[in-house]
């Protein structure tokens, strides 16, 4: 990702990911969490990557961000009463948004992605993790 588009897209994703908490209130899943799951957000300037470990460590896939000059990686962990229920990651190197539903409990969460430019908001869509009946262990 180039520095100029990287900043715009990183800002886009960061803004979209920060909106996840608001989406919990509008989504009507089968078994909604009350209160909404906690959200921990971690940012990494990928100029100095590859990077992993520390706050990027989780029990599911060992988050790892690749080097991308001018990129900003984002990881959000969603938890309920100490249990991971999902996570969202933006990897700027390949411009991928990863959404994980890490608890097979019959509900889901949604991530709205968009960006503001020139005084206008541009909606890129709403995304969710694919459903599965296979639990993470």
C-alpha atoms as a PDB file:
ATOM      1  CA  UNK A   1       0.000   0.000   0.000  1.00  0.00           C
ATOM      2  CA  UNK A   2       1.422   3.388  -0.900  1.00  0.00           C
ATOM      3  CA  UNK A   3       1.762   6.054   1.755  1.00  0.00           C
ATOM      4  CA  UNK A   4      -0.926   8.399   0.377  1.00  0.00           C
ATOM      5  CA  UNK A   5      -3.574   5.721  -0.198  1.00  0.00           C
ATOM      6  CA  UNK A   6      -2.379   3.827   2.870  1.00  0.00           C
ATOM      7  CA  UNK A   7      -3.275   6.682   5.165  1.00  0.00           C
ATOM      8  CA  UNK A   8      -6.678   7.091   3.570  1.00  0.00           C
ATOM      9  CA  UNK A   9      -7.460   3.381   3.632  1.00  0.00           C
ATOM     10  CA  UNK A  10      -6.037   2.914   7.122  1.00  0.00           C
ATOM     11  CA  UNK A  11      -8.238   5.793   8.263  1.00  0.00           C
ATOM     12  CA  UNK A  12     -11.147   4.185   6.461  1.00  0.00           C
ATOM     13  CA  UNK A  13     -10.694   0.863   8.153  1.00  0.00           C
ATOM     14  CA  UNK A  14      -9.880   2.382  11.508  1.00  0.00           C
ATOM     15  CA  UNK A  15     -13.073   4.413  11.393  1.00  0.00           C
ATOM     16  CA  UNK A  16     -15.059   1.416  10.228  1.00  0.00           C
ATOM     17  CA  UNK A  17     -13.648  -0.839  12.894  1.00  0.00           C
ATOM     18  CA  UNK A  18     -14.303   1.685  15.602  1.00  0.00           C
ATOM     19  CA  UNK A  19     -17.915   1.694  14.453  1.00  0.00           C
ATOM     20  CA  UNK A  20     -18.226  -2.012  15.235  1.00  0.00           C
ATOM     21  CA  UNK A  21     -19.395  -1.289  18.773  1.00  0.00           C
ATOM     22  CA  UNK A  22     -22.253   0.808  17.446  1.00  0.00           C
ATOM     23  CA  UNK A  23     -23.264  -1.994  15.115  1.00  0.00           C
ATOM     24  CA  UNK A  24     -23.823  -4.350  18.022  1.00  0.00           C
ATOM     25  CA  UNK A  25     -26.682  -2.128  19.091  1.00  0.00           C
ATOM     26  CA  UNK A  26     -28.330  -2.263  15.649  1.00  0.00           C
ATOM     27  CA  UNK A  27     -27.770  -5.941  14.859  1.00  0.00           C
ATOM     28  CA  UNK A  28     -30.341  -8.407  16.120  1.00  0.00           C
ATOM     29  CA  UNK A  29     -28.462 -11.682  16.474  1.00  0.00           C
ATOM     30  CA  UNK A  30     -30.009 -14.889  17.757  1.00  0.00           C
ATOM     31  CA  UNK A  31     -28.392 -14.496  21.184  1.00  0.00           C
ATOM     32  CA  UNK A  32     -27.379 -10.866  21.582  1.00  0.00           C
ATOM     33  CA  UNK A  33     -24.812 -10.024  24.229  1.00  0.00           C
ATOM     34  CA  UNK A  34     -26.037  -7.717  26.938  1.00  0.00           C
ATOM     35  CA  UNK A  35     -24.101  -5.590  27.501  1.00  0.00           C
ATOM     36  CA  UNK A  36     -22.251  -5.516  24.207  1.00  0.00           C
ATOM     37  CA  UNK A  37     -18.946  -7.395  24.083  1.00  0.00           C
ATOM     38  CA  UNK A  38     -15.849  -5.527  25.190  1.00  0.00           C
ATOM     39  CA  UNK A  39     -13.570  -4.316  22.412  1.00  0.00           C
ATOM     40  CA  UNK A  40      -9.785  -4.006  22.652  1.00  0.00           C
ATOM     41  CA  UNK A  41      -8.163  -2.227  19.709  1.00  0.00           C
ATOM     42  CA  UNK A  42      -4.487  -2.413  18.728  1.00  0.00           C
ATOM     43  CA  UNK A  43      -2.762  -0.420  15.979  1.00  0.00           C
ATOM     44  CA  UNK A  44       0.601  -1.176  14.360  1.00  0.00           C
ATOM     45  CA  UNK A  45       2.569   1.102  12.078  1.00  0.00           C
ATOM     46  CA  UNK A  46       3.773  -1.528   9.613  1.00  0.00           C
ATOM     47  CA  UNK A  47       6.921   0.406   8.628  1.00  0.00           C
ATOM     48  CA  UNK A  48       8.787  -1.667  11.234  1.00  0.00           C
ATOM     49  CA  UNK A  49       7.091  -5.008  10.636  1.00  0.00           C
ATOM     50  CA  UNK A  50       6.987  -7.989  10.279  1.00  0.00           C
ATOM     51  CA  UNK A  51       5.492  -7.918  13.749  1.00  0.00           C
ATOM     52  CA  UNK A  52       3.636 -10.272  16.053  1.00  0.00           C
ATOM     53  CA  UNK A  53       3.466 -11.152  19.738  1.00  0.00           C
ATOM     54  CA  UNK A  54       2.633  -8.879  22.648  1.00  0.00           C
ATOM     55  CA  UNK A  55      -0.855  -7.422  22.274  1.00  0.00           C
ATOM     56  CA  UNK A  56      -1.206  -9.178  18.911  1.00  0.00           C
ATOM     57  CA  UNK A  57      -1.124 -12.613  20.553  1.00  0.00           C
ATOM     58  CA  UNK A  58      -4.420 -14.491  20.726  1.00  0.00           C
ATOM     59  CA  UNK A  59      -5.415 -18.142  21.117  1.00  0.00           C
ATOM     60  CA  UNK A  60      -6.684 -18.519  17.551  1.00  0.00           C
ATOM     61  CA  UNK A  61      -4.128 -17.805  14.866  1.00  0.00           C
ATOM     62  CA  UNK A  62      -1.161 -15.850  16.231  1.00  0.00           C
ATOM     63  CA  UNK A  63      -1.759 -12.541  14.453  1.00  0.00           C
ATOM     64  CA  UNK A  64       1.191 -11.458  12.314  1.00  0.00           C
ATOM     65  CA  UNK A  65       1.414  -8.259  10.260  1.00  0.00           C
ATOM     66  CA  UNK A  66       3.753  -7.983   7.264  1.00  0.00           C
ATOM     67  CA  UNK A  67       5.953  -4.993   6.403  1.00  0.00           C
ATOM     68  CA  UNK A  68       4.133  -2.273   4.460  1.00  0.00           C
ATOM     69  CA  UNK A  69       5.753   1.169   4.262  1.00  0.00           C
ATOM     70  CA  UNK A  70       3.207   3.774   5.368  1.00  0.00           C
ATOM     71  CA  UNK A  71       0.617   1.155   6.355  1.00  0.00           C
ATOM     72  CA  UNK A  72      -1.417   1.020   9.538  1.00  0.00           C
ATOM     73  CA  UNK A  73      -2.575  -2.397  10.743  1.00  0.00           C
ATOM     74  CA  UNK A  74      -5.551  -2.725  13.078  1.00  0.00           C
ATOM     75  CA  UNK A  75      -6.631  -5.591  15.318  1.00  0.00           C
ATOM     76  CA  UNK A  76      -9.809  -5.594  17.410  1.00  0.00           C
ATOM     77  CA  UNK A  77     -10.608  -8.317  19.907  1.00  0.00           C
ATOM     78  CA  UNK A  78     -14.198  -8.819  21.048  1.00  0.00           C
ATOM     79  CA  UNK A  79     -14.788 -10.502  24.389  1.00  0.00           C
ATOM     80  CA  UNK A  80     -17.688 -11.302  26.680  1.00  0.00           C
ATOM     81  CA  UNK A  81     -17.026 -12.159  30.328  1.00  0.00           C
ATOM     82  CA  UNK A  82     -13.409 -13.034  29.559  1.00  0.00           C
ATOM     83  CA  UNK A  83     -14.183 -15.223  26.512  1.00  0.00           C
ATOM     84  CA  UNK A  84     -13.149 -14.312  22.978  1.00  0.00           C
ATOM     85  CA  UNK A  85     -16.269 -14.036  20.827  1.00  0.00           C
ATOM     86  CA  UNK A  86     -14.621 -12.565  17.732  1.00  0.00           C
ATOM     87  CA  UNK A  87     -11.888 -10.470  16.238  1.00  0.00           C
ATOM     88  CA  UNK A  88     -11.411  -8.138  13.311  1.00  0.00           C
ATOM     89  CA  UNK A  89      -8.086  -7.455  11.597  1.00  0.00           C
ATOM     90  CA  UNK A  90      -7.024  -5.155   8.788  1.00  0.00           C
ATOM     91  CA  UNK A  91      -3.776  -6.151   7.068  1.00  0.00           C
ATOM     92  CA  UNK A  92      -2.528  -3.223   4.922  1.00  0.00           C
ATOM     93  CA  UNK A  93       0.149  -5.211   3.064  1.00  0.00           C
ATOM     94  CA  UNK A  94      -2.459  -7.103   1.058  1.00  0.00           C
ATOM     95  CA  UNK A  95      -5.403  -4.812   1.957  1.00  0.00           C
ATOM     96  CA  UNK A  96      -7.356  -7.634   3.589  1.00  0.00           C
ATOM     97  CA  UNK A  97     -10.075  -7.331   6.189  1.00  0.00           C
ATOM     98  CA  UNK A  98     -10.359 -10.485   8.298  1.00  0.00           C
ATOM     99  CA  UNK A  99     -13.450 -11.080  10.434  1.00  0.00           C
ATOM    100  CA  UNK A 100     -13.519 -13.990  12.850  1.00  0.00           C
ATOM    101  CA  UNK A 101     -16.503 -15.256  14.833  1.00  0.00           C
ATOM    102  CA  UNK A 102     -14.555 -17.261  17.397  1.00  0.00           C
ATOM    103  CA  UNK A 103     -17.454 -18.537  19.476  1.00  0.00           C
ATOM    104  CA  UNK A 104     -19.976 -20.895  17.934  1.00  0.00           C
ATOM    105  CA  UNK A 105     -22.978 -19.439  19.770  1.00  0.00           C
ATOM    106  CA  UNK A 106     -25.492 -18.808  16.990  1.00  0.00           C
ATOM    107  CA  UNK A 107     -24.978 -15.087  16.541  1.00  0.00           C
ATOM    108  CA  UNK A 108     -22.672 -12.871  14.519  1.00  0.00           C
ATOM    109  CA  UNK A 109     -21.390  -9.350  14.281  1.00  0.00           C
ATOM    110  CA  UNK A 110     -21.088  -6.965  11.354  1.00  0.00           C
ATOM    111  CA  UNK A 111     -18.340  -4.598  10.255  1.00  0.00           C
ATOM    112  CA  UNK A 112     -19.299  -1.532   8.213  1.00  0.00           C
ATOM    113  CA  UNK A 113     -16.475  -0.265   6.008  1.00  0.00           C
ATOM    114  CA  UNK A 114     -16.321   3.169   4.445  1.00  0.00           C
ATOM    115  CA  UNK A 115     -14.249   6.297   4.249  1.00  0.00           C
ATOM    116  CA  UNK A 116     -14.672  10.060   4.230  1.00  0.00           C
ATOM    117  CA  UNK A 117     -13.025  12.038   1.455  1.00  0.00           C
ATOM    118  CA  UNK A 118     -13.692  15.517   0.127  1.00  0.00           C
ATOM    119  CA  UNK A 119     -16.516  16.033   2.612  1.00  0.00           C
ATOM    120  CA  UNK A 120     -18.421  12.927   1.475  1.00  0.00           C
ATOM    121  CA  UNK A 121     -18.813   9.495   3.020  1.00  0.00           C
ATOM    122  CA  UNK A 122     -18.255   6.513   0.739  1.00  0.00           C
ATOM    123  CA  UNK A 123     -19.830   3.241   1.887  1.00  0.00           C
ATOM    124  CA  UNK A 124     -17.807   0.175   0.886  1.00  0.00           C
ATOM    125  CA  UNK A 125     -20.237  -2.334   2.376  1.00  0.00           C
ATOM    126  CA  UNK A 126     -21.033  -4.319   5.477  1.00  0.00           C
ATOM    127  CA  UNK A 127     -19.229  -7.566   6.127  1.00  0.00           C
ATOM    128  CA  UNK A 128     -19.567 -10.437   8.602  1.00  0.00           C
ATOM    129  CA  UNK A 129     -17.784 -13.659   9.436  1.00  0.00           C
ATOM    130  CA  UNK A 130     -19.019 -16.725   7.550  1.00  0.00           C
ATOM    131  CA  UNK A 131     -21.199 -19.015   9.644  1.00  0.00           C
ATOM    132  CA  UNK A 132     -19.913 -22.359  10.800  1.00  0.00           C
ATOM    133  CA  UNK A 133     -20.954 -25.181  13.061  1.00  0.00           C
ATOM    134  CA  UNK A 134     -17.317 -26.007  13.838  1.00  0.00           C
ATOM    135  CA  UNK A 135     -16.146 -24.670  17.196  1.00  0.00           C
ATOM    136  CA  UNK A 136     -12.681 -23.152  17.636  1.00  0.00           C
ATOM    137  CA  UNK A 137     -10.639 -25.052  20.165  1.00  0.00           C
END
